[in-house]
Amino acid sequence: MSRVGRVPVPIPAGVTVSAKDRVVTVKGPKGELKYKHRPEVDVAIDGAAIKVTNNRSPYEKAARAYHGMTRALLQNMVHGVAQGYERKLEITGVGYTVKLEGKNLVLTLGYANPVKVPVPPTVQVDVPNQTSLVVRGADLQQVGLFTAQVRKLKPPEPYKGKGFRYENEVIRRKAGKAFGSA
């Protein structure tokens, strides 16, 4: 059995969990998430905790992996609907700006035209100022995916550090060419 999978997932107050026909539904103040788990594992709600059990041989490598993965995904769902997830991006560069127009994120990244990125309905985007961006949501995967897609439009380059970076990310800078050794 997976060591991660053995640990029960505590259910905080204000969160309801139901499991029926391999579909686990988690509802909370931040939203509702659903997950259809693999047939190698069983999910049971036991009072104030979710227990994930392996219904196959404990020596099957795939069954052990699905056991731990299912427990981790359920933990992320419970945390997401209770407290939510948040990712912050900062943009560095002269003239690089971020705006929110309706349901589109408008990015000025030094190209000929501004780049418009539609914001998915599963996340909320906040632009506190022109050089920072906050992505919030209940689903950790959706928050991370949208943040990575925005960062991919202009990743930080190593010479001047221009581009999108995560809030506390450290960019390793390169020295560039040495000047005038004859």
C-alpha atoms as a PDB file:
ATOM      1  CA  MET A   1       0.000   0.000   0.000  1.00  0.00           C
ATOM      2  CA  SER A   2       1.021   3.584  -0.517  1.00  0.00           C
ATOM      3  CA  ARG A   3       2.219   5.382   2.587  1.00  0.00           C
ATOM      4  CA  VAL A   4       0.628   8.605   1.370  1.00  0.00           C
ATOM      5  CA  GLY A   5      -2.624   6.812   0.581  1.00  0.00           C
ATOM      6  CA  ARG A   6      -2.977   5.338   4.067  1.00  0.00           C
ATOM      7  CA  VAL A   7      -3.353   8.738   5.746  1.00  0.00           C
ATOM      8  CA  PRO A   8      -7.030   9.770   5.920  1.00  0.00           C
ATOM      9  CA  VAL A   9      -8.012  13.182   4.531  1.00  0.00           C
ATOM     10  CA  PRO A  10      -9.649  15.304   7.256  1.00  0.00           C
ATOM     11  CA  ILE A  11     -12.837  17.105   6.243  1.00  0.00           C
ATOM     12  CA  PRO A  12     -12.999  20.639   7.721  1.00  0.00           C
ATOM     13  CA  ALA A  13     -16.199  22.287   8.916  1.00  0.00           C
ATOM     14  CA  GLY A  14     -18.311  23.721   6.097  1.00  0.00           C
ATOM     15  CA  VAL A  15     -17.188  21.120   3.548  1.00  0.00           C
ATOM     16  CA  THR A  16     -19.396  18.246   2.435  1.00  0.00           C
ATOM     17  CA  VAL A  17     -18.098  15.175   0.629  1.00  0.00           C
ATOM     18  CA  SER A  18     -20.107  12.498  -1.162  1.00  0.00           C
ATOM     19  CA  ALA A  19     -18.959   9.446  -3.104  1.00  0.00           C
ATOM     20  CA  LYS A  20     -21.171   7.531  -5.508  1.00  0.00           C
ATOM     21  CA  ASP A  21     -20.330   5.343  -8.507  1.00  0.00           C
ATOM     22  CA  ARG A  22     -16.577   6.185  -8.408  1.00  0.00           C
ATOM     23  CA  VAL A  23     -17.351   9.935  -8.507  1.00  0.00           C
ATOM     24  CA  VAL A  24     -16.336  11.987  -5.468  1.00  0.00           C
ATOM     25  CA  THR A  25     -18.035  15.377  -5.072  1.00  0.00           C
ATOM     26  CA  VAL A  26     -16.587  17.960  -2.691  1.00  0.00           C
ATOM     27  CA  LYS A  27     -18.620  21.104  -1.899  1.00  0.00           C
ATOM     28  CA  GLY A  28     -17.471  24.053   0.160  1.00  0.00           C
ATOM     29  CA  PRO A  29     -17.591  27.838   0.453  1.00  0.00           C
ATOM     30  CA  LYS A  30     -15.175  28.317  -2.499  1.00  0.00           C
ATOM     31  CA  GLY A  31     -17.027  26.057  -4.942  1.00  0.00           C
ATOM     32  CA  GLU A  32     -17.709  22.480  -5.954  1.00  0.00           C
ATOM     33  CA  LEU A  33     -15.278  19.964  -7.455  1.00  0.00           C
ATOM     34  CA  LYS A  34     -15.798  16.462  -8.838  1.00  0.00           C
ATOM     35  CA  TYR A  35     -13.312  13.660  -9.427  1.00  0.00           C
ATOM     36  CA  LYS A  36     -13.844  10.236 -10.986  1.00  0.00           C
ATOM     37  CA  HIS A  37     -11.295   7.912  -9.417  1.00  0.00           C
ATOM     38  CA  ARG A  38      -9.669   4.796 -10.845  1.00  0.00           C
ATOM     39  CA  PRO A  39     -11.191   1.336 -10.305  1.00  0.00           C
ATOM     40  CA  GLU A  40      -8.028   0.181  -8.489  1.00  0.00           C
ATOM     41  CA  VAL A  41      -8.960   2.230  -5.419  1.00  0.00           C
ATOM     42  CA  ASP A  42     -12.014   2.641  -3.224  1.00  0.00           C
ATOM     43  CA  VAL A  43     -13.051   5.889  -1.554  1.00  0.00           C
ATOM     44  CA  ALA A  44     -15.125   5.859   1.638  1.00  0.00           C
ATOM     45  CA  ILE A  45     -16.333   8.747   3.783  1.00  0.00           C
ATOM     46  CA  ASP A  46     -15.862   7.848   7.434  1.00  0.00           C
ATOM     47  CA  GLY A  47     -17.255  10.562   9.678  1.00  0.00           C
ATOM     48  CA  ALA A  48     -14.954  13.573   9.436  1.00  0.00           C
ATOM     49  CA  ALA A  49     -12.384  11.962   7.122  1.00  0.00           C
ATOM     50  CA  ILE A  50     -12.033  10.467   3.662  1.00  0.00           C
ATOM     51  CA  LYS A  51     -10.341   7.072   3.513  1.00  0.00           C
ATOM     52  CA  VAL A  52      -8.792   5.761   0.317  1.00  0.00           C
ATOM     53  CA  THR A  53      -8.179   2.017   0.162  1.00  0.00           C
ATOM     54  CA  ASN A  54      -6.444  -0.163  -2.387  1.00  0.00           C
ATOM     55  CA  ASN A  55      -8.732  -2.939  -3.621  1.00  0.00           C
ATOM     56  CA  ARG A  56      -6.022  -4.707  -5.645  1.00  0.00           C
ATOM     57  CA  SER A  57      -2.877  -6.527  -4.640  1.00  0.00           C
ATOM     58  CA  PRO A  58      -0.560  -4.299  -2.596  1.00  0.00           C
ATOM     59  CA  TYR A  59       2.284  -5.526  -4.784  1.00  0.00           C
ATOM     60  CA  GLU A  60       0.908  -4.095  -8.020  1.00  0.00           C
ATOM     61  CA  LYS A  61       2.949  -1.008  -8.790  1.00  0.00           C
ATOM     62  CA  ALA A  62       0.145   0.802 -10.657  1.00  0.00           C
ATOM     63  CA  ALA A  63      -2.374   0.133  -7.871  1.00  0.00           C
ATOM     64  CA  ARG A  64       0.007   1.594  -5.266  1.00  0.00           C
ATOM     65  CA  ALA A  65       0.587   4.663  -7.423  1.00  0.00           C
ATOM     66  CA  TYR A  66      -3.133   5.270  -7.996  1.00  0.00           C
ATOM     67  CA  HIS A  67      -3.738   4.824  -4.276  1.00  0.00           C
ATOM     68  CA  GLY A  68      -1.391   7.652  -3.274  1.00  0.00           C
ATOM     69  CA  MET A  69      -2.358   9.866  -6.218  1.00  0.00           C
ATOM     70  CA  THR A  70      -6.085   9.593  -5.463  1.00  0.00           C
ATOM     71  CA  ARG A  71      -5.536  10.534  -1.836  1.00  0.00           C
ATOM     72  CA  ALA A  72      -3.387  13.542  -2.836  1.00  0.00           C
ATOM     73  CA  LEU A  73      -5.963  14.754  -5.375  1.00  0.00           C
ATOM     74  CA  LEU A  74      -8.777  14.459  -2.811  1.00  0.00           C
ATOM     75  CA  GLN A  75      -6.666  16.400  -0.286  1.00  0.00           C
ATOM     76  CA  ASN A  76      -6.142  19.155  -2.883  1.00  0.00           C
ATOM     77  CA  MET A  77      -9.888  19.244  -3.608  1.00  0.00           C
ATOM     78  CA  VAL A  78     -10.828  19.549   0.074  1.00  0.00           C
ATOM     79  CA  HIS A  79      -8.245  22.299   0.631  1.00  0.00           C
ATOM     80  CA  GLY A  80      -9.369  24.098  -2.539  1.00  0.00           C
ATOM     81  CA  VAL A  81     -13.065  24.287  -1.684  1.00  0.00           C
ATOM     82  CA  ALA A  82     -12.308  25.236   1.925  1.00  0.00           C
ATOM     83  CA  GLN A  83      -9.532  27.843   1.479  1.00  0.00           C
ATOM     84  CA  GLY A  84      -8.765  28.091  -2.231  1.00  0.00           C
ATOM     85  CA  TYR A  85      -5.476  28.407  -4.069  1.00  0.00           C
ATOM     86  CA  GLU A  86      -3.622  31.485  -5.227  1.00  0.00           C
ATOM     87  CA  ARG A  87      -0.701  32.092  -7.598  1.00  0.00           C
ATOM     88  CA  LYS A  88       0.950  35.457  -8.179  1.00  0.00           C
ATOM     89  CA  LEU A  89       2.841  36.538 -11.283  1.00  0.00           C
ATOM     90  CA  GLU A  90       5.005  39.616 -11.698  1.00  0.00           C
ATOM     91  CA  ILE A  91       6.135  41.048 -15.026  1.00  0.00           C
ATOM     92  CA  THR A  92       9.421  42.850 -15.451  1.00  0.00           C
ATOM     93  CA  GLY A  93      10.348  44.896 -18.511  1.00  0.00           C
ATOM     94  CA  VAL A  94       9.999  48.412 -19.875  1.00  0.00           C
ATOM     95  CA  GLY A  95       6.507  48.870 -21.304  1.00  0.00           C
ATOM     96  CA  TYR A  96       5.219  45.430 -20.241  1.00  0.00           C
ATOM     97  CA  THR A  97       1.732  45.787 -18.743  1.00  0.00           C
ATOM     98  CA  VAL A  98      -1.237  43.669 -17.714  1.00  0.00           C
ATOM     99  CA  LYS A  99      -4.919  44.728 -17.921  1.00  0.00           C
ATOM    100  CA  LEU A 100      -8.202  42.964 -17.344  1.00  0.00           C
ATOM    101  CA  GLU A 101     -10.932  43.813 -19.864  1.00  0.00           C
ATOM    102  CA  GLY A 102     -14.120  41.904 -19.163  1.00  0.00           C
ATOM    103  CA  LYS A 103     -13.279  38.204 -19.338  1.00  0.00           C
ATOM    104  CA  ASN A 104     -10.014  38.742 -21.215  1.00  0.00           C
ATOM    105  CA  LEU A 105      -6.546  39.416 -19.934  1.00  0.00           C
ATOM    106  CA  VAL A 106      -4.790  41.967 -22.172  1.00  0.00           C
ATOM    107  CA  LEU A 107      -1.006  41.756 -22.055  1.00  0.00           C
ATOM    108  CA  THR A 108       1.389  44.267 -23.610  1.00  0.00           C
ATOM    109  CA  LEU A 109       4.583  42.259 -23.980  1.00  0.00           C
ATOM    110  CA  GLY A 110       6.650  44.171 -26.505  1.00  0.00           C
ATOM    111  CA  TYR A 111       5.042  42.575 -29.545  1.00  0.00           C
ATOM    112  CA  ALA A 112       3.388  44.566 -32.350  1.00  0.00           C
ATOM    113  CA  ASN A 113      -0.100  43.940 -30.922  1.00  0.00           C
ATOM    114  CA  PRO A 114      -1.356  43.278 -27.398  1.00  0.00           C
ATOM    115  CA  VAL A 115      -1.945  39.624 -26.527  1.00  0.00           C
ATOM    116  CA  LYS A 116      -5.483  38.747 -25.368  1.00  0.00           C
ATOM    117  CA  VAL A 117      -5.900  35.679 -23.182  1.00  0.00           C
ATOM    118  CA  PRO A 118      -9.434  34.501 -22.281  1.00  0.00           C
ATOM    119  CA  VAL A 119      -9.845  33.810 -18.562  1.00  0.00           C
ATOM    120  CA  PRO A 120     -11.430  30.385 -17.933  1.00  0.00           C
ATOM    121  CA  PRO A 121     -14.562  30.329 -15.763  1.00  0.00           C
ATOM    122  CA  THR A 122     -12.879  28.090 -13.162  1.00  0.00           C
ATOM    123  CA  VAL A 123     -10.424  30.793 -12.038  1.00  0.00           C
ATOM    124  CA  GLN A 124     -10.642  34.419 -10.911  1.00  0.00           C
ATOM    125  CA  VAL A 125      -7.994  36.890 -12.046  1.00  0.00           C
ATOM    126  CA  ASP A 126      -7.158  40.073 -10.176  1.00  0.00           C
ATOM    127  CA  VAL A 127      -4.797  42.765 -11.454  1.00  0.00           C
ATOM    128  CA  PRO A 128      -3.702  44.898  -8.457  1.00  0.00           C
ATOM    129  CA  ASN A 129      -1.359  47.011 -10.612  1.00  0.00           C
ATOM    130  CA  GLN A 130       0.007  47.023 -14.162  1.00  0.00           C
ATOM    131  CA  THR A 131       2.920  44.724 -13.392  1.00  0.00           C
ATOM    132  CA  SER A 132       1.343  42.021 -11.234  1.00  0.00           C
ATOM    133  CA  LEU A 133      -1.339  39.401 -11.626  1.00  0.00           C
ATOM    134  CA  VAL A 134      -3.115  37.226  -9.038  1.00  0.00           C
ATOM    135  CA  VAL A 135      -4.873  34.007 -10.091  1.00  0.00           C
ATOM    136  CA  ARG A 136      -7.272  32.409  -7.593  1.00  0.00           C
ATOM    137  CA  GLY A 137      -9.513  29.364  -7.673  1.00  0.00           C
ATOM    138  CA  ALA A 138     -10.670  26.213  -5.928  1.00  0.00           C
ATOM    139  CA  ASP A 139      -9.033  23.780  -8.377  1.00  0.00           C
ATOM    140  CA  LEU A 140      -5.252  23.653  -7.941  1.00  0.00           C
ATOM    141  CA  GLN A 141      -4.756  22.136 -11.389  1.00  0.00           C
ATOM    142  CA  GLN A 142      -6.718  24.880 -13.170  1.00  0.00           C
ATOM    143  CA  VAL A 143      -4.972  27.678 -11.241  1.00  0.00           C
ATOM    144  CA  GLY A 144      -1.554  26.230 -12.013  1.00  0.00           C
ATOM    145  CA  LEU A 145      -2.405  25.555 -15.661  1.00  0.00           C
ATOM    146  CA  PHE A 146      -3.675  29.077 -16.362  1.00  0.00           C
ATOM    147  CA  THR A 147      -0.714  30.649 -14.554  1.00  0.00           C
ATOM    148  CA  ALA A 148       1.717  28.514 -16.549  1.00  0.00           C
ATOM    149  CA  GLN A 149      -0.013  29.404 -19.837  1.00  0.00           C
ATOM    150  CA  VAL A 150       0.296  33.129 -19.086  1.00  0.00           C
ATOM    151  CA  ARG A 151       3.942  32.748 -18.013  1.00  0.00           C
ATOM    152  CA  LYS A 152       4.720  30.830 -21.209  1.00  0.00           C
ATOM    153  CA  LEU A 153       3.791  33.895 -23.297  1.00  0.00           C
ATOM    154  CA  LYS A 154       6.910  35.724 -22.060  1.00  0.00           C
ATOM    155  CA  PRO A 155       9.126  33.589 -19.778  1.00  0.00           C
ATOM    156  CA  PRO A 156      11.906  35.391 -17.931  1.00  0.00           C
ATOM    157  CA  GLU A 157      15.103  35.636 -19.932  1.00  0.00           C
ATOM    158  CA  PRO A 158      18.463  35.182 -18.168  1.00  0.00           C
ATOM    159  CA  TYR A 159      20.302  38.310 -19.343  1.00  0.00           C
ATOM    160  CA  LYS A 160      18.046  41.164 -18.228  1.00  0.00           C
ATOM    161  CA  GLY A 161      15.366  39.177 -16.354  1.00  0.00           C
ATOM    162  CA  LYS A 162      12.525  40.550 -18.484  1.00  0.00           C
ATOM    163  CA  GLY A 163       9.279  38.566 -18.620  1.00  0.00           C
ATOM    164  CA  PHE A 164       6.752  36.884 -16.321  1.00  0.00           C
ATOM    165  CA  ARG A 165       7.971  35.243 -13.147  1.00  0.00           C
ATOM    166  CA  TYR A 166       6.283  33.775 -10.107  1.00  0.00           C
ATOM    167  CA  GLU A 167       6.175  35.946  -7.004  1.00  0.00           C
ATOM    168  CA  ASN A 168       9.248  34.637  -5.159  1.00  0.00           C
ATOM    169  CA  GLU A 169      10.995  33.008  -8.118  1.00  0.00           C
ATOM    170  CA  VAL A 170      14.701  33.703  -8.409  1.00  0.00           C
ATOM    171  CA  ILE A 171      15.963  34.093 -11.967  1.00  0.00           C
ATOM    172  CA  ARG A 172      19.604  33.095 -12.465  1.00  0.00           C
ATOM    173  CA  ARG A 173      21.223  35.897 -14.380  1.00  0.00           C
ATOM    174  CA  LYS A 174      23.982  35.432 -16.943  1.00  0.00           C
ATOM    175  CA  ALA A 175      26.844  37.871 -17.322  1.00  0.00           C
ATOM    176  CA  GLY A 176      26.610  38.318 -21.072  1.00  0.00           C
ATOM    177  CA  LYS A 177      29.559  39.110 -23.302  1.00  0.00           C
ATOM    178  CA  ALA A 178      32.750  40.469 -21.798  1.00  0.00           C
ATOM    179  CA  PHE A 179      33.735  43.846 -23.214  1.00  0.00           C
ATOM    180  CA  GLY A 180      36.975  44.524 -25.059  1.00  0.00           C
ATOM    181  CA  SER A 181      39.661  41.995 -24.356  1.00  0.00           C
ATOM    182  CA  ALA A 182      41.929  42.446 -27.306  1.00  0.00           C
END
